[in-house]
Structure formats: C-alpha cells, structure tokens
Amino acid sequence: MLDKRPCNVNTAAELDAEIRDILALDQIQRGDEISGTLNVDYSDESVKSASLVSVLENRGVTVRWRKKQGQ
C-alpha cells in the first residue's frame, strides 16, 4: 500500500521518478503493494502534469494532492 509512502516533490519530473520507483515494485514481485492512496506533497501546480500519474490511476491508485504550506 502506498498510503504511508512519502512523496515530497517540486517538479513533474521528480514525481515521474517517484512513480517509476513505485512501478519498479512489479519487477521484484511486489506489485500488490501498488494500491491505496499516494499522498503527493508538492510546491508547484505543474507537478500535477506529470506524465505517469495516469498509469497509477489506471492501476486503481488514488492520488491525493497536498500543496505544501507557504508555497
């Protein structure tokens, strides 16, 4: 489950890198952990344009966007 995985990013590229790390769980037979809600703490709205967000959503993962305070 992704609910407790920290995801603190500043750019769409950083979020795509985080998502690639998550998807790599398939390679080590831990794909069942790709579920739940990914809480994304971000500073810039452009993060939401990360190209791999839809891949997670298509796997049933909910993405919860949380704007960092003071940003």
N, C-alpha and C. Protein backbone atom coordinates (compact mmCIF):
# COMPACT_ATOMS: atom_id res chain seq x y z
N MET A 1 0.83 -1.18 0.00
CA MET A 1 0.00 0.00 0.00
C MET A 1 0.88 1.24 0.00
N LEU A 2 0.44 2.21 -0.72
CA LEU A 2 1.20 3.45 -0.87
C LEU A 2 0.84 4.51 0.15
N ASP A 3 -0.16 4.24 0.98
CA ASP A 3 -0.69 5.25 1.90
C ASP A 3 0.39 5.90 2.78
N LYS A 4 1.39 5.15 3.18
CA LYS A 4 2.39 5.67 4.10
C LYS A 4 3.70 6.04 3.40
N ARG A 5 3.74 5.86 2.08
CA ARG A 5 4.96 6.18 1.34
C ARG A 5 5.08 7.70 1.18
N PRO A 6 6.21 8.30 1.61
CA PRO A 6 6.37 9.74 1.45
C PRO A 6 6.59 10.09 -0.02
N CYS A 7 5.98 11.15 -0.47
CA CYS A 7 6.15 11.63 -1.84
C CYS A 7 6.16 13.15 -1.78
N ASN A 8 7.34 13.70 -1.65
CA ASN A 8 7.54 15.13 -1.48
C ASN A 8 8.30 15.62 -2.71
N VAL A 9 7.62 16.30 -3.63
CA VAL A 9 8.23 16.67 -4.90
C VAL A 9 8.03 18.15 -5.22
N ASN A 10 8.91 18.65 -6.09
CA ASN A 10 8.83 20.05 -6.50
C ASN A 10 8.56 20.21 -7.99
N THR A 11 8.79 19.15 -8.77
CA THR A 11 8.61 19.23 -10.21
C THR A 11 7.89 17.98 -10.73
N ALA A 12 7.33 18.09 -11.93
CA ALA A 12 6.68 16.94 -12.56
C ALA A 12 7.70 15.83 -12.80
N ALA A 13 8.92 16.19 -13.15
CA ALA A 13 9.97 15.19 -13.39
C ALA A 13 10.27 14.40 -12.11
N GLU A 14 10.28 15.08 -10.98
CA GLU A 14 10.51 14.39 -9.70
C GLU A 14 9.38 13.42 -9.41
N LEU A 15 8.14 13.82 -9.69
CA LEU A 15 7.02 12.93 -9.46
C LEU A 15 7.07 11.73 -10.40
N ASP A 16 7.42 11.95 -11.66
CA ASP A 16 7.57 10.83 -12.58
C ASP A 16 8.64 9.85 -12.09
N ALA A 17 9.73 10.36 -11.54
CA ALA A 17 10.78 9.50 -11.00
C ALA A 17 10.25 8.69 -9.82
N GLU A 18 9.47 9.31 -8.94
CA GLU A 18 8.86 8.60 -7.81
C GLU A 18 7.93 7.50 -8.32
N ILE A 19 7.14 7.81 -9.34
CA ILE A 19 6.20 6.83 -9.88
C ILE A 19 6.97 5.68 -10.53
N ARG A 20 8.07 5.97 -11.23
CA ARG A 20 8.88 4.89 -11.80
C ARG A 20 9.40 3.97 -10.71
N ASP A 21 9.81 4.54 -9.57
CA ASP A 21 10.26 3.73 -8.44
C ASP A 21 9.13 2.83 -7.93
N ILE A 22 7.94 3.39 -7.87
CA ILE A 22 6.78 2.61 -7.41
C ILE A 22 6.49 1.48 -8.39
N LEU A 23 6.50 1.78 -9.68
CA LEU A 23 6.21 0.76 -10.69
C LEU A 23 7.28 -0.32 -10.73
N ALA A 24 8.48 0.00 -10.27
CA ALA A 24 9.56 -0.99 -10.21
C ALA A 24 9.24 -2.13 -9.24
N LEU A 25 8.29 -1.91 -8.35
CA LEU A 25 7.88 -2.98 -7.44
C LEU A 25 7.40 -4.21 -8.21
N ASP A 26 6.85 -4.00 -9.40
CA ASP A 26 6.44 -5.13 -10.24
C ASP A 26 7.63 -6.03 -10.57
N GLN A 27 8.78 -5.43 -10.79
CA GLN A 27 9.97 -6.18 -11.20
C GLN A 27 10.47 -7.13 -10.10
N ILE A 28 10.15 -6.81 -8.86
CA ILE A 28 10.60 -7.67 -7.75
C ILE A 28 9.42 -8.40 -7.11
N GLN A 29 8.39 -8.65 -7.91
CA GLN A 29 7.20 -9.39 -7.48
C GLN A 29 6.52 -8.80 -6.26
N ARG A 30 6.50 -7.47 -6.18
CA ARG A 30 5.80 -6.80 -5.08
C ARG A 30 4.74 -5.85 -5.64
N GLY A 31 4.23 -6.15 -6.82
CA GLY A 31 3.25 -5.31 -7.47
C GLY A 31 1.97 -5.15 -6.70
N ASP A 32 1.68 -6.10 -5.79
CA ASP A 32 0.47 -5.99 -4.97
C ASP A 32 0.53 -4.79 -4.02
N GLU A 33 1.73 -4.23 -3.83
CA GLU A 33 1.88 -3.06 -2.97
C GLU A 33 1.49 -1.77 -3.68
N ILE A 34 1.24 -1.85 -4.99
CA ILE A 34 0.86 -0.67 -5.76
C ILE A 34 -0.65 -0.53 -5.65
N SER A 35 -1.07 -0.01 -4.51
CA SER A 35 -2.50 0.16 -4.24
C SER A 35 -2.68 1.24 -3.18
N GLY A 36 -3.92 1.63 -2.96
CA GLY A 36 -4.22 2.62 -1.93
C GLY A 36 -4.15 4.04 -2.47
N THR A 37 -3.63 4.92 -1.64
CA THR A 37 -3.57 6.34 -1.97
C THR A 37 -2.14 6.83 -1.88
N LEU A 38 -1.69 7.52 -2.93
CA LEU A 38 -0.38 8.16 -2.90
C LEU A 38 -0.60 9.62 -2.54
N ASN A 39 -0.08 10.03 -1.40
CA ASN A 39 -0.18 11.41 -0.96
C ASN A 39 1.00 12.19 -1.52
N VAL A 40 0.72 13.11 -2.43
CA VAL A 40 1.76 13.87 -3.09
C VAL A 40 1.81 15.27 -2.49
N ASP A 41 2.90 15.56 -1.79
CA ASP A 41 3.15 16.90 -1.26
C ASP A 41 3.96 17.65 -2.31
N TYR A 42 3.41 18.76 -2.80
CA TYR A 42 4.03 19.47 -3.92
C TYR A 42 4.08 20.97 -3.64
N SER A 43 4.96 21.64 -4.37
CA SER A 43 5.09 23.09 -4.20
C SER A 43 4.59 23.87 -5.41
N ASP A 44 4.58 23.25 -6.58
CA ASP A 44 4.20 23.95 -7.80
C ASP A 44 3.09 23.17 -8.51
N GLU A 45 2.09 23.89 -8.99
CA GLU A 45 0.94 23.25 -9.66
C GLU A 45 1.35 22.41 -10.86
N SER A 46 2.48 22.72 -11.48
CA SER A 46 2.92 21.97 -12.66
C SER A 46 3.21 20.51 -12.34
N VAL A 47 3.41 20.19 -11.07
CA VAL A 47 3.64 18.80 -10.67
C VAL A 47 2.48 17.91 -11.12
N LYS A 48 1.29 18.46 -11.11
CA LYS A 48 0.11 17.68 -11.48
C LYS A 48 0.12 17.24 -12.94
N SER A 49 1.02 17.80 -13.74
CA SER A 49 1.10 17.42 -15.15
C SER A 49 2.07 16.26 -15.39
N ALA A 50 2.56 15.64 -14.34
CA ALA A 50 3.49 14.51 -14.51
C ALA A 50 2.86 13.46 -15.41
N SER A 51 3.63 12.96 -16.34
CA SER A 51 3.10 12.08 -17.38
C SER A 51 2.68 10.70 -16.88
N LEU A 52 3.22 10.26 -15.75
CA LEU A 52 2.93 8.90 -15.28
C LEU A 52 1.80 8.81 -14.25
N VAL A 53 1.19 9.94 -13.90
CA VAL A 53 0.09 9.92 -12.93
C VAL A 53 -1.03 9.01 -13.42
N SER A 54 -1.36 9.10 -14.69
CA SER A 54 -2.46 8.28 -15.23
C SER A 54 -2.16 6.79 -15.15
N VAL A 55 -0.89 6.41 -15.21
CA VAL A 55 -0.53 4.99 -15.10
C VAL A 55 -0.92 4.47 -13.72
N LEU A 56 -0.61 5.25 -12.69
CA LEU A 56 -1.01 4.84 -11.33
C LEU A 56 -2.52 4.80 -11.18
N GLU A 57 -3.18 5.84 -11.69
CA GLU A 57 -4.64 5.90 -11.58
C GLU A 57 -5.29 4.72 -12.30
N ASN A 58 -4.74 4.32 -13.43
CA ASN A 58 -5.27 3.17 -14.17
C ASN A 58 -5.09 1.87 -13.40
N ARG A 59 -4.17 1.85 -12.45
CA ARG A 59 -3.95 0.67 -11.60
C ARG A 59 -4.80 0.75 -10.34
N GLY A 60 -5.64 1.75 -10.24
CA GLY A 60 -6.54 1.87 -9.10
C GLY A 60 -6.01 2.67 -7.94
N VAL A 61 -4.86 3.30 -8.12
CA VAL A 61 -4.28 4.12 -7.06
C VAL A 61 -4.93 5.50 -7.10
N THR A 62 -5.30 6.00 -5.93
CA THR A 62 -5.82 7.35 -5.80
C THR A 62 -4.65 8.28 -5.51
N VAL A 63 -4.59 9.40 -6.21
CA VAL A 63 -3.55 10.40 -5.95
C VAL A 63 -4.20 11.54 -5.19
N ARG A 64 -3.68 11.81 -4.01
CA ARG A 64 -4.18 12.92 -3.19
C ARG A 64 -3.13 14.03 -3.22
N TRP A 65 -3.54 15.17 -3.75
CA TRP A 65 -2.63 16.31 -3.89
C TRP A 65 -2.67 17.16 -2.63
N ARG A 66 -1.49 17.44 -2.07
CA ARG A 66 -1.40 18.26 -0.86
C ARG A 66 -0.36 19.36 -1.08
N LYS A 67 -0.86 20.57 -1.28
CA LYS A 67 0.03 21.73 -1.50
C LYS A 67 0.82 22.01 -0.23
N LYS A 68 2.13 22.17 -0.39
CA LYS A 68 2.99 22.46 0.76
C LYS A 68 2.64 23.84 1.30
N GLN A 69 2.63 23.98 2.60
CA GLN A 69 2.35 25.26 3.25
C GLN A 69 3.43 26.27 2.93
N GLY A 70 3.02 27.52 2.73
CA GLY A 70 3.98 28.59 2.49
C GLY A 70 4.52 28.61 1.08
N GLN A 71 3.94 27.84 0.20
CA GLN A 71 4.43 27.78 -1.18
C GLN A 71 3.52 28.54 -2.10
